Amino acid sequence: MRSARVYPVTKGVPRFVASEAYADTFGRQWNRWDTTQHDSHNGTTIFRDRMVRYTGWTPESMAGKVVVDAGCGPGGFIDLIENHAAAAIGFDLSSAVDACYRLHGKHPNVHLAQADIFSPPLRRGIADRLYTFGVVQHTPDPEKAFRTLVPLVKPGGEISAWVYRRRLIPHPVYWMLPFTSRLQEPQATRFVEWYAPRAMRVSGALGAVPMVGRYLRRLVPVPDYRDRLDLSEDQYLEWAIMDTHDMLITRYTFPQRWKDLKRWTRGLEDVRKPSKRDMSVVARVPA
C-alpha cells in the first residue's frame, strides 16, 4: 500500500521542496524585478521575439495545448502564452515562483508550483510542448536536468531549451568570476548593484567613440544592450544588473555548445536549431 505525501500550499503555491537550495539568488532577483522582463509591462516584444527565435513557436500556436515552463521565474514567458494555451504549467525551484503567482496565478488556466527541475511534480506525458529557457545551465548538471524533463512531454510533443553559449573567448563579465565567486550574500548582490551602474557609465562613454564605440563597449565586463535592444535608460540599467547577477552570483553557470545540445537530444526526433544567433534546440518526442 502506497502512503500519501502531504505538501504545503503557501501564498497560493504548492511547495514540493523545503528550500530554494542553489537557486536562492534567483528568488531575491526576481521578486525585486518581477515585471522588468514582461512584454506586457515594459511595452516591448523582446520576450515574444525570443520565443520565436528560440523555437519557431508563436504564442498563438499554443492554442489548445498543455504547455510546461520549466524554471518559470517570474513568468516572462507565461505572460505570453497564458491567453492562448489550454493550460500553462510553470514551476521553479526558487521563490521567484511567488512573483509569478502574484502576476499570473489568478489566471484560470495558469498552474504554478515550487519544485526541483530534477524531480518535477508532474505526470509523464502531460505536455504538448515544454520549454526551459535560461535555466538548465544554472543547475549542477545541465544535461541531466534537460533529460529529466523529456518524459513530461507526450509522444509527438515537442521540447525546447535555450542556454548560454559557450564561447572560445568568454564574455568579459566572466573575468570577474574569481572575485565574485567568493562573495557571500547579501554582499554579493550588493556588489552587483554597486558595480553595474558604474560599469554602464564606462560602457556608455566608450560607446560614444566614433566608428569603434560599439566594439569598445563590449570590452567592458557588463551586459550592455544599448546597441541591441530598444529600452529606456532605466531599463538598460535594470537589465544590466539582472544579467550581471545571473552571470556572477548564481551558484552554477555552465554555458554550452551546439554539440552538447545535440547530445542531450539523442533519441529524439526532428532535432533542429531554429536560430543561428541563439544557442537553442527544439526536438520532438517519438510517437
C-alpha atoms as a PDB file:
ATOM      1  CA  MET A   1       0.000   0.000   0.000  1.00  0.00           C
ATOM      2  CA  ARG A   2       1.431   3.343  -1.036  1.00  0.00           C
ATOM      3  CA  SER A   3       1.380   6.084   1.562  1.00  0.00           C
ATOM      4  CA  ALA A   4       0.186   9.553   0.613  1.00  0.00           C
ATOM      5  CA  ARG A   5       2.542  12.513   0.969  1.00  0.00           C
ATOM      6  CA  VAL A   6       1.319  15.920   2.023  1.00  0.00           C
ATOM      7  CA  TYR A   7       2.802  19.133   0.641  1.00  0.00           C
ATOM      8  CA  PRO A   8       2.039  22.620   1.923  1.00  0.00           C
ATOM      9  CA  VAL A   9       0.346  25.298  -0.141  1.00  0.00           C
ATOM     10  CA  THR A  10       1.745  28.689   0.848  1.00  0.00           C
ATOM     11  CA  LYS A  11       0.690  32.004  -0.697  1.00  0.00           C
ATOM     12  CA  GLY A  12      -1.355  30.060  -3.218  1.00  0.00           C
ATOM     13  CA  VAL A  13       1.591  27.943  -4.432  1.00  0.00           C
ATOM     14  CA  PRO A  14       2.093  24.195  -3.757  1.00  0.00           C
ATOM     15  CA  ARG A  15       5.591  23.646  -2.333  1.00  0.00           C
ATOM     16  CA  PHE A  16       7.323  20.408  -3.294  1.00  0.00           C
ATOM     17  CA  VAL A  17      10.711  21.491  -1.881  1.00  0.00           C
ATOM     18  CA  ALA A  18      11.773  22.539   1.590  1.00  0.00           C
ATOM     19  CA  SER A  19      14.173  25.266   0.425  1.00  0.00           C
ATOM     20  CA  GLU A  20      15.437  27.133  -2.633  1.00  0.00           C
ATOM     21  CA  ALA A  21      18.772  25.262  -2.418  1.00  0.00           C
ATOM     22  CA  TYR A  22      21.234  26.593  -5.024  1.00  0.00           C
ATOM     23  CA  ALA A  23      18.566  28.823  -6.641  1.00  0.00           C
ATOM     24  CA  ASP A  24      18.131  31.252  -3.731  1.00  0.00           C
ATOM     25  CA  THR A  25      19.797  34.133  -5.579  1.00  0.00           C
ATOM     26  CA  PHE A  26      17.135  33.922  -8.285  1.00  0.00           C
ATOM     27  CA  GLY A  27      14.413  34.276  -5.678  1.00  0.00           C
ATOM     28  CA  ARG A  28      15.846  37.579  -4.484  1.00  0.00           C
ATOM     29  CA  GLN A  29      16.433  38.759  -8.036  1.00  0.00           C
ATOM     30  CA  TRP A  30      13.010  38.067  -9.499  1.00  0.00           C
ATOM     31  CA  ASN A  31      10.950  39.178  -6.531  1.00  0.00           C
ATOM     32  CA  ARG A  32      12.711  42.536  -6.756  1.00  0.00           C
ATOM     33  CA  TRP A  33      12.479  42.963 -10.550  1.00  0.00           C
ATOM     34  CA  ASP A  34       9.343  40.934 -11.104  1.00  0.00           C
ATOM     35  CA  THR A  35       7.876  42.831 -14.075  1.00  0.00           C
ATOM     36  CA  THR A  36      11.075  44.128 -15.695  1.00  0.00           C
ATOM     37  CA  GLN A  37      11.167  41.391 -18.318  1.00  0.00           C
ATOM     38  CA  HIS A  38       7.446  41.199 -19.043  1.00  0.00           C
ATOM     39  CA  ASP A  39       6.465  42.434 -22.508  1.00  0.00           C
ATOM     40  CA  SER A  40       3.048  43.404 -21.176  1.00  0.00           C
ATOM     41  CA  HIS A  41       4.692  45.745 -18.637  1.00  0.00           C
ATOM     42  CA  ASN A  42       7.707  47.153 -20.487  1.00  0.00           C
ATOM     43  CA  GLY A  43       5.961  47.878 -23.784  1.00  0.00           C
ATOM     44  CA  THR A  44       8.288  45.733 -25.911  1.00  0.00           C
ATOM     45  CA  THR A  45       8.137  42.445 -27.805  1.00  0.00           C
ATOM     46  CA  ILE A  46      11.536  41.234 -26.552  1.00  0.00           C
ATOM     47  CA  PHE A  47      10.299  38.010 -24.950  1.00  0.00           C
ATOM     48  CA  ARG A  48       7.887  37.263 -27.777  1.00  0.00           C
ATOM     49  CA  ASP A  49      10.727  37.705 -30.271  1.00  0.00           C
ATOM     50  CA  ARG A  50      12.958  35.470 -28.163  1.00  0.00           C
ATOM     51  CA  MET A  51      10.384  32.685 -28.036  1.00  0.00           C
ATOM     52  CA  VAL A  52      10.028  32.767 -31.817  1.00  0.00           C
ATOM     53  CA  ARG A  53      13.805  32.763 -32.318  1.00  0.00           C
ATOM     54  CA  TYR A  54      14.428  30.003 -29.783  1.00  0.00           C
ATOM     55  CA  THR A  55      11.674  27.697 -31.014  1.00  0.00           C
ATOM     56  CA  GLY A  56       9.836  28.861 -34.117  1.00  0.00           C
ATOM     57  CA  TRP A  57       6.692  28.823 -31.953  1.00  0.00           C
ATOM     58  CA  THR A  58       4.421  31.833 -31.598  1.00  0.00           C
ATOM     59  CA  PRO A  59       2.265  32.371 -28.501  1.00  0.00           C
ATOM     60  CA  GLU A  60      -0.787  31.935 -30.735  1.00  0.00           C
ATOM     61  CA  SER A  61       0.426  28.469 -31.769  1.00  0.00           C
ATOM     62  CA  MET A  62      -0.067  27.354 -28.141  1.00  0.00           C
ATOM     63  CA  ALA A  63      -3.862  27.443 -28.562  1.00  0.00           C
ATOM     64  CA  GLY A  64      -5.485  24.312 -27.162  1.00  0.00           C
ATOM     65  CA  LYS A  65      -2.168  22.915 -25.902  1.00  0.00           C
ATOM     66  CA  VAL A  66      -0.832  21.993 -22.485  1.00  0.00           C
ATOM     67  CA  VAL A  67       2.443  23.918 -22.158  1.00  0.00           C
ATOM     68  CA  VAL A  68       5.038  23.489 -19.396  1.00  0.00           C
ATOM     69  CA  ASP A  69       7.507  26.230 -18.444  1.00  0.00           C
ATOM     70  CA  ALA A  70      10.329  24.515 -16.529  1.00  0.00           C
ATOM     71  CA  GLY A  71      12.080  27.162 -14.444  1.00  0.00           C
ATOM     72  CA  CYS A  72       9.423  29.806 -14.994  1.00  0.00           C
ATOM     73  CA  GLY A  73      10.968  32.507 -12.791  1.00  0.00           C
ATOM     74  CA  PRO A  74       8.570  35.461 -12.502  1.00  0.00           C
ATOM     75  CA  GLY A  75       6.710  34.347 -15.635  1.00  0.00           C
ATOM     76  CA  GLY A  76       8.075  36.408 -18.516  1.00  0.00           C
ATOM     77  CA  PHE A  77       7.153  33.669 -20.997  1.00  0.00           C
ATOM     78  CA  ILE A  78       3.947  32.662 -19.208  1.00  0.00           C
ATOM     79  CA  ASP A  79       2.978  36.287 -19.771  1.00  0.00           C
ATOM     80  CA  LEU A  80       2.949  35.481 -23.497  1.00  0.00           C
ATOM     81  CA  ILE A  81       1.086  32.176 -23.506  1.00  0.00           C
ATOM     82  CA  GLU A  82      -1.469  32.418 -20.706  1.00  0.00           C
ATOM     83  CA  ASN A  83      -4.169  33.800 -23.019  1.00  0.00           C
ATOM     84  CA  HIS A  84      -3.605  31.083 -25.615  1.00  0.00           C
ATOM     85  CA  ALA A  85      -2.635  27.756 -24.025  1.00  0.00           C
ATOM     86  CA  ALA A  86      -5.288  25.398 -22.730  1.00  0.00           C
ATOM     87  CA  ALA A  87      -3.094  25.096 -19.639  1.00  0.00           C
ATOM     88  CA  ALA A  88       0.162  26.880 -18.804  1.00  0.00           C
ATOM     89  CA  ILE A  89       2.060  24.989 -16.100  1.00  0.00           C
ATOM     90  CA  GLY A  90       5.084  26.637 -14.521  1.00  0.00           C
ATOM     91  CA  PHE A  91       7.422  25.543 -11.768  1.00  0.00           C
ATOM     92  CA  ASP A  92      10.610  26.953 -10.298  1.00  0.00           C
ATOM     93  CA  LEU A  93      12.966  25.936  -7.515  1.00  0.00           C
ATOM     94  CA  SER A  94      13.303  29.491  -6.252  1.00  0.00           C
ATOM     95  CA  SER A  95      10.826  31.832  -4.590  1.00  0.00           C
ATOM     96  CA  ALA A  96      10.626  33.624  -7.939  1.00  0.00           C
ATOM     97  CA  VAL A  97       7.510  31.491  -8.319  1.00  0.00           C
ATOM     98  CA  ASP A  98       5.887  33.820  -5.767  1.00  0.00           C
ATOM     99  CA  ALA A  99       6.381  36.724  -8.158  1.00  0.00           C
ATOM    100  CA  CYS A 100       4.945  34.568 -10.933  1.00  0.00           C
ATOM    101  CA  TYR A 101       1.900  33.788  -8.796  1.00  0.00           C
ATOM    102  CA  ARG A 102       1.330  37.462  -7.988  1.00  0.00           C
ATOM    103  CA  LEU A 103       1.408  38.321 -11.672  1.00  0.00           C
ATOM    104  CA  HIS A 104      -0.231  35.266 -13.248  1.00  0.00           C
ATOM    105  CA  GLY A 105      -1.552  32.902 -10.577  1.00  0.00           C
ATOM    106  CA  LYS A 106      -5.120  34.201 -10.741  1.00  0.00           C
ATOM    107  CA  HIS A 107      -5.383  33.442 -14.441  1.00  0.00           C
ATOM    108  CA  PRO A 108      -7.767  30.464 -14.758  1.00  0.00           C
ATOM    109  CA  ASN A 109      -5.520  28.279 -16.903  1.00  0.00           C
ATOM    110  CA  VAL A 110      -2.179  29.017 -15.156  1.00  0.00           C
ATOM    111  CA  HIS A 111      -0.942  26.396 -12.668  1.00  0.00           C
ATOM    112  CA  LEU A 112       2.215  27.013 -10.618  1.00  0.00           C
ATOM    113  CA  ALA A 113       4.397  25.134  -8.143  1.00  0.00           C
ATOM    114  CA  GLN A 114       7.713  25.470  -6.363  1.00  0.00           C
ATOM    115  CA  ALA A 115       9.651  22.363  -7.327  1.00  0.00           C
ATOM    116  CA  ASP A 116      13.023  20.963  -8.304  1.00  0.00           C
ATOM    117  CA  ILE A 117      13.753  20.500 -12.013  1.00  0.00           C
ATOM    118  CA  PHE A 118      15.398  17.154 -11.129  1.00  0.00           C
ATOM    119  CA  SER A 119      12.133  15.971  -9.547  1.00  0.00           C
ATOM    120  CA  PRO A 120       9.274  17.718 -11.367  1.00  0.00           C
ATOM    121  CA  PRO A 121       5.844  17.272  -9.735  1.00  0.00           C
ATOM    122  CA  LEU A 122       4.078  16.415 -13.000  1.00  0.00           C
ATOM    123  CA  ARG A 123       2.872  13.189 -14.524  1.00  0.00           C
ATOM    124  CA  ARG A 124       4.614  11.732 -17.543  1.00  0.00           C
ATOM    125  CA  GLY A 125       3.331  12.757 -20.952  1.00  0.00           C
ATOM    126  CA  ILE A 126       1.396  15.773 -19.730  1.00  0.00           C
ATOM    127  CA  ALA A 127       2.833  18.404 -22.085  1.00  0.00           C
ATOM    128  CA  ASP A 128       2.167  19.079 -25.733  1.00  0.00           C
ATOM    129  CA  ARG A 129       5.076  21.496 -25.527  1.00  0.00           C
ATOM    130  CA  LEU A 130       7.710  22.085 -22.877  1.00  0.00           C
ATOM    131  CA  TYR A 131      10.359  24.771 -22.829  1.00  0.00           C
ATOM    132  CA  THR A 132      13.159  25.673 -20.453  1.00  0.00           C
ATOM    133  CA  PHE A 133      14.865  28.952 -21.296  1.00  0.00           C
ATOM    134  CA  GLY A 134      17.989  30.133 -19.473  1.00  0.00           C
ATOM    135  CA  VAL A 135      17.540  27.597 -16.688  1.00  0.00           C
ATOM    136  CA  VAL A 136      19.393  24.300 -17.031  1.00  0.00           C
ATOM    137  CA  GLN A 137      22.814  25.965 -17.362  1.00  0.00           C
ATOM    138  CA  HIS A 138      22.298  27.220 -13.801  1.00  0.00           C
ATOM    139  CA  THR A 139      21.863  23.701 -12.366  1.00  0.00           C
ATOM    140  CA  PRO A 140      24.612  21.355 -11.111  1.00  0.00           C
ATOM    141  CA  ASP A 141      24.093  19.045 -14.126  1.00  0.00           C
ATOM    142  CA  PRO A 142      22.541  20.744 -17.196  1.00  0.00           C
ATOM    143  CA  GLU A 143      22.265  17.606 -19.327  1.00  0.00           C
ATOM    144  CA  LYS A 144      20.609  15.610 -16.558  1.00  0.00           C
ATOM    145  CA  ALA A 145      18.196  18.478 -15.928  1.00  0.00           C
ATOM    146  CA  PHE A 146      17.166  18.516 -19.589  1.00  0.00           C
ATOM    147  CA  ARG A 147      16.829  14.744 -19.818  1.00  0.00           C
ATOM    148  CA  THR A 148      14.660  14.710 -16.681  1.00  0.00           C
ATOM    149  CA  LEU A 149      12.157  16.932 -18.492  1.00  0.00           C
ATOM    150  CA  VAL A 150      11.805  14.799 -21.620  1.00  0.00           C
ATOM    151  CA  PRO A 151       9.395  12.223 -20.080  1.00  0.00           C
ATOM    152  CA  LEU A 152       6.960  15.032 -19.242  1.00  0.00           C
ATOM    153  CA  VAL A 153       6.303  15.542 -22.967  1.00  0.00           C
ATOM    154  CA  LYS A 154       3.690  13.355 -24.631  1.00  0.00           C
ATOM    155  CA  PRO A 155       4.637  11.249 -27.682  1.00  0.00           C
ATOM    156  CA  GLY A 156       4.640  13.552 -30.692  1.00  0.00           C
ATOM    157  CA  GLY A 157       5.049  16.617 -28.482  1.00  0.00           C
ATOM    158  CA  GLU A 158       7.995  18.995 -28.572  1.00  0.00           C
ATOM    159  CA  ILE A 159      10.627  20.122 -26.079  1.00  0.00           C
ATOM    160  CA  SER A 160      12.888  23.159 -26.364  1.00  0.00           C
ATOM    161  CA  ALA A 161      15.817  24.571 -24.419  1.00  0.00           C
ATOM    162  CA  TRP A 162      17.830  27.770 -24.664  1.00  0.00           C
ATOM    163  CA  VAL A 163      21.135  28.082 -22.795  1.00  0.00           C
ATOM    164  CA  TYR A 164      24.099  30.416 -22.600  1.00  0.00           C
ATOM    165  CA  ARG A 165      26.528  29.932 -25.464  1.00  0.00           C
ATOM    166  CA  ARG A 166      30.000  28.697 -24.598  1.00  0.00           C
ATOM    167  CA  ARG A 167      32.480  30.879 -26.467  1.00  0.00           C
ATOM    168  CA  LEU A 168      36.171  30.485 -27.179  1.00  0.00           C
ATOM    169  CA  ILE A 169      36.687  33.893 -25.548  1.00  0.00           C
ATOM    170  CA  PRO A 170      34.210  34.275 -22.652  1.00  0.00           C
ATOM    171  CA  HIS A 171      32.128  37.422 -22.219  1.00  0.00           C
ATOM    172  CA  PRO A 172      34.230  39.998 -20.296  1.00  0.00           C
ATOM    173  CA  VAL A 173      31.845  39.863 -17.335  1.00  0.00           C
ATOM    174  CA  TYR A 174      33.138  36.351 -16.591  1.00  0.00           C
ATOM    175  CA  TRP A 175      36.598  37.828 -15.994  1.00  0.00           C
ATOM    176  CA  MET A 176      35.287  38.858 -12.583  1.00  0.00           C
ATOM    177  CA  LEU A 177      34.293  35.358 -11.505  1.00  0.00           C
ATOM    178  CA  PRO A 178      37.493  34.685  -9.492  1.00  0.00           C
ATOM    179  CA  PHE A 179      36.462  37.606  -7.281  1.00  0.00           C
ATOM    180  CA  THR A 180      32.674  37.379  -7.200  1.00  0.00           C
ATOM    181  CA  SER A 181      32.559  33.602  -6.682  1.00  0.00           C
ATOM    182  CA  ARG A 182      33.985  34.145  -3.191  1.00  0.00           C
ATOM    183  CA  LEU A 183      31.343  36.678  -2.148  1.00  0.00           C
ATOM    184  CA  GLN A 184      28.549  35.628   0.187  1.00  0.00           C
ATOM    185  CA  GLU A 185      25.049  37.027   0.367  1.00  0.00           C
ATOM    186  CA  PRO A 186      23.944  39.720   0.876  1.00  0.00           C
ATOM    187  CA  GLN A 187      27.354  41.187  -0.014  1.00  0.00           C
ATOM    188  CA  ALA A 188      27.290  39.518  -3.429  1.00  0.00           C
ATOM    189  CA  THR A 189      24.062  41.181  -4.534  1.00  0.00           C
ATOM    190  CA  ARG A 190      25.127  44.490  -3.012  1.00  0.00           C
ATOM    191  CA  PHE A 191      28.337  44.353  -5.019  1.00  0.00           C
ATOM    192  CA  VAL A 192      26.469  43.780  -8.294  1.00  0.00           C
ATOM    193  CA  GLU A 193      24.134  46.688  -7.553  1.00  0.00           C
ATOM    194  CA  TRP A 194      27.142  48.904  -6.804  1.00  0.00           C
ATOM    195  CA  TYR A 195      29.225  47.724  -9.734  1.00  0.00           C
ATOM    196  CA  ALA A 196      26.769  47.545 -12.648  1.00  0.00           C
ATOM    197  CA  PRO A 197      25.772  51.256 -12.762  1.00  0.00           C
ATOM    198  CA  ARG A 198      29.430  52.304 -12.760  1.00  0.00           C
ATOM    199  CA  ALA A 199      30.357  49.801 -15.443  1.00  0.00           C
ATOM    200  CA  MET A 200      27.433  51.025 -17.536  1.00  0.00           C
ATOM    201  CA  ARG A 201      28.727  54.595 -17.360  1.00  0.00           C
ATOM    202  CA  VAL A 202      32.141  53.436 -18.605  1.00  0.00           C
ATOM    203  CA  SER A 203      30.476  51.381 -21.333  1.00  0.00           C
ATOM    204  CA  GLY A 204      28.384  54.375 -22.369  1.00  0.00           C
ATOM    205  CA  ALA A 205      31.446  56.621 -22.622  1.00  0.00           C
ATOM    206  CA  LEU A 206      33.282  54.085 -24.772  1.00  0.00           C
ATOM    207  CA  GLY A 207      30.205  53.552 -26.886  1.00  0.00           C
ATOM    208  CA  ALA A 208      30.237  57.224 -27.834  1.00  0.00           C
ATOM    209  CA  VAL A 209      33.624  56.897 -29.559  1.00  0.00           C
ATOM    210  CA  PRO A 210      33.042  57.389 -33.304  1.00  0.00           C
ATOM    211  CA  MET A 211      33.269  54.347 -35.600  1.00  0.00           C
ATOM    212  CA  VAL A 212      34.520  51.862 -32.998  1.00  0.00           C
ATOM    213  CA  GLY A 213      32.335  52.663 -29.985  1.00  0.00           C
ATOM    214  CA  ARG A 214      30.053  49.659 -30.305  1.00  0.00           C
ATOM    215  CA  TYR A 215      33.083  47.343 -30.238  1.00  0.00           C
ATOM    216  CA  LEU A 216      34.820  49.124 -27.354  1.00  0.00           C
ATOM    217  CA  ARG A 217      31.618  48.925 -25.334  1.00  0.00           C
ATOM    218  CA  ARG A 218      31.720  45.134 -25.448  1.00  0.00           C
ATOM    219  CA  LEU A 219      35.098  45.084 -23.741  1.00  0.00           C
ATOM    220  CA  VAL A 220      33.558  46.366 -20.506  1.00  0.00           C
ATOM    221  CA  PRO A 221      32.540  43.499 -18.200  1.00  0.00           C
ATOM    222  CA  VAL A 222      28.831  44.315 -18.019  1.00  0.00           C
ATOM    223  CA  PRO A 223      25.863  43.220 -20.196  1.00  0.00           C
ATOM    224  CA  ASP A 224      25.111  46.469 -22.074  1.00  0.00           C
ATOM    225  CA  TYR A 225      22.206  46.140 -24.506  1.00  0.00           C
ATOM    226  CA  ARG A 226      22.162  49.705 -25.813  1.00  0.00           C
ATOM    227  CA  ASP A 227      23.063  48.665 -29.344  1.00  0.00           C
ATOM    228  CA  ARG A 228      20.825  45.566 -29.310  1.00  0.00           C
ATOM    229  CA  LEU A 229      17.527  46.245 -27.508  1.00  0.00           C
ATOM    230  CA  ASP A 230      15.105  49.170 -27.658  1.00  0.00           C
ATOM    231  CA  LEU A 231      14.725  50.123 -23.994  1.00  0.00           C
ATOM    232  CA  SER A 232      14.759  53.220 -21.823  1.00  0.00           C
ATOM    233  CA  GLU A 233      17.932  54.208 -19.960  1.00  0.00           C
ATOM    234  CA  ASP A 234      16.428  52.962 -16.692  1.00  0.00           C
ATOM    235  CA  GLN A 235      15.562  49.642 -18.323  1.00  0.00           C
ATOM    236  CA  TYR A 236      19.062  49.245 -19.748  1.00  0.00           C
ATOM    237  CA  LEU A 237      20.434  49.583 -16.223  1.00  0.00           C
ATOM    238  CA  GLU A 238      17.905  47.149 -14.732  1.00  0.00           C
ATOM    239  CA  TRP A 239      18.702  44.537 -17.378  1.00  0.00           C
ATOM    240  CA  ALA A 240      22.446  45.051 -16.837  1.00  0.00           C
ATOM    241  CA  ILE A 241      22.081  44.494 -13.084  1.00  0.00           C
ATOM    242  CA  MET A 242      19.939  41.382 -13.577  1.00  0.00           C
ATOM    243  CA  ASP A 243      22.188  39.756 -16.158  1.00  0.00           C
ATOM    244  CA  THR A 244      25.385  40.606 -14.250  1.00  0.00           C
ATOM    245  CA  HIS A 245      23.672  38.932 -11.305  1.00  0.00           C
ATOM    246  CA  ASP A 246      22.906  35.850 -13.439  1.00  0.00           C
ATOM    247  CA  MET A 247      26.474  35.537 -14.642  1.00  0.00           C
ATOM    248  CA  LEU A 248      28.400  36.254 -11.464  1.00  0.00           C
ATOM    249  CA  ILE A 249      26.316  35.495  -8.380  1.00  0.00           C
ATOM    250  CA  THR A 250      24.352  32.362  -9.227  1.00  0.00           C
ATOM    251  CA  ARG A 251      25.758  29.153  -7.760  1.00  0.00           C
ATOM    252  CA  TYR A 252      26.228  27.420 -11.125  1.00  0.00           C
ATOM    253  CA  THR A 253      26.716  28.769 -14.642  1.00  0.00           C
ATOM    254  CA  PHE A 254      27.624  26.295 -17.392  1.00  0.00           C
ATOM    255  CA  PRO A 255      27.469  27.734 -20.947  1.00  0.00           C
ATOM    256  CA  GLN A 256      27.041  25.091 -23.651  1.00  0.00           C
ATOM    257  CA  ARG A 257      27.898  24.372 -27.277  1.00  0.00           C
ATOM    258  CA  TRP A 258      25.684  23.092 -30.083  1.00  0.00           C
ATOM    259  CA  LYS A 259      27.323  19.668 -29.911  1.00  0.00           C
ATOM    260  CA  ASP A 260      26.219  19.498 -26.260  1.00  0.00           C
ATOM    261  CA  LEU A 261      22.590  20.187 -27.176  1.00  0.00           C
ATOM    262  CA  LYS A 262      22.727  17.544 -29.906  1.00  0.00           C
ATOM    263  CA  ARG A 263      23.961  15.042 -27.316  1.00  0.00           C
ATOM    264  CA  TRP A 264      21.166  16.000 -24.928  1.00  0.00           C
ATOM    265  CA  THR A 265      18.532  15.350 -27.600  1.00  0.00           C
ATOM    266  CA  ARG A 266      19.887  11.973 -28.687  1.00  0.00           C
ATOM    267  CA  GLY A 267      16.932   9.616 -29.195  1.00  0.00           C
ATOM    268  CA  LEU A 268      14.530  12.438 -30.013  1.00  0.00           C
ATOM    269  CA  GLU A 269      13.276  13.276 -33.497  1.00  0.00           C
ATOM    270  CA  ASP A 270      13.292  16.309 -35.786  1.00  0.00           C
ATOM    271  CA  VAL A 271      16.128  17.907 -33.783  1.00  0.00           C
ATOM    272  CA  ARG A 272      16.664  21.428 -35.069  1.00  0.00           C
ATOM    273  CA  LYS A 273      18.428  24.685 -34.277  1.00  0.00           C
ATOM    274  CA  PRO A 274      15.890  27.406 -35.067  1.00  0.00           C
ATOM    275  CA  SER A 275      18.330  30.321 -34.803  1.00  0.00           C
ATOM    276  CA  LYS A 276      21.941  30.802 -35.840  1.00  0.00           C
ATOM    277  CA  ARG A 277      22.172  33.593 -33.304  1.00  0.00           C
ATOM    278  CA  ASP A 278      20.925  31.704 -30.248  1.00  0.00           C
ATOM    279  CA  MET A 279      22.058  28.511 -28.510  1.00  0.00           C
ATOM    280  CA  SER A 280      18.649  26.830 -28.610  1.00  0.00           C
ATOM    281  CA  VAL A 281      17.279  23.480 -29.687  1.00  0.00           C
ATOM    282  CA  VAL A 282      13.833  22.027 -30.449  1.00  0.00           C
ATOM    283  CA  ALA A 283      13.110  18.305 -30.687  1.00  0.00           C
ATOM    284  CA  ARG A 284      10.081  16.038 -30.932  1.00  0.00           C
ATOM    285  CA  VAL A 285       9.425  13.113 -28.617  1.00  0.00           C
ATOM    286  CA  PRO A 286       8.963   9.936 -30.702  1.00  0.00           C
ATOM    287  CA  ALA A 287       5.414   8.694 -31.090  1.00  0.00           C
END
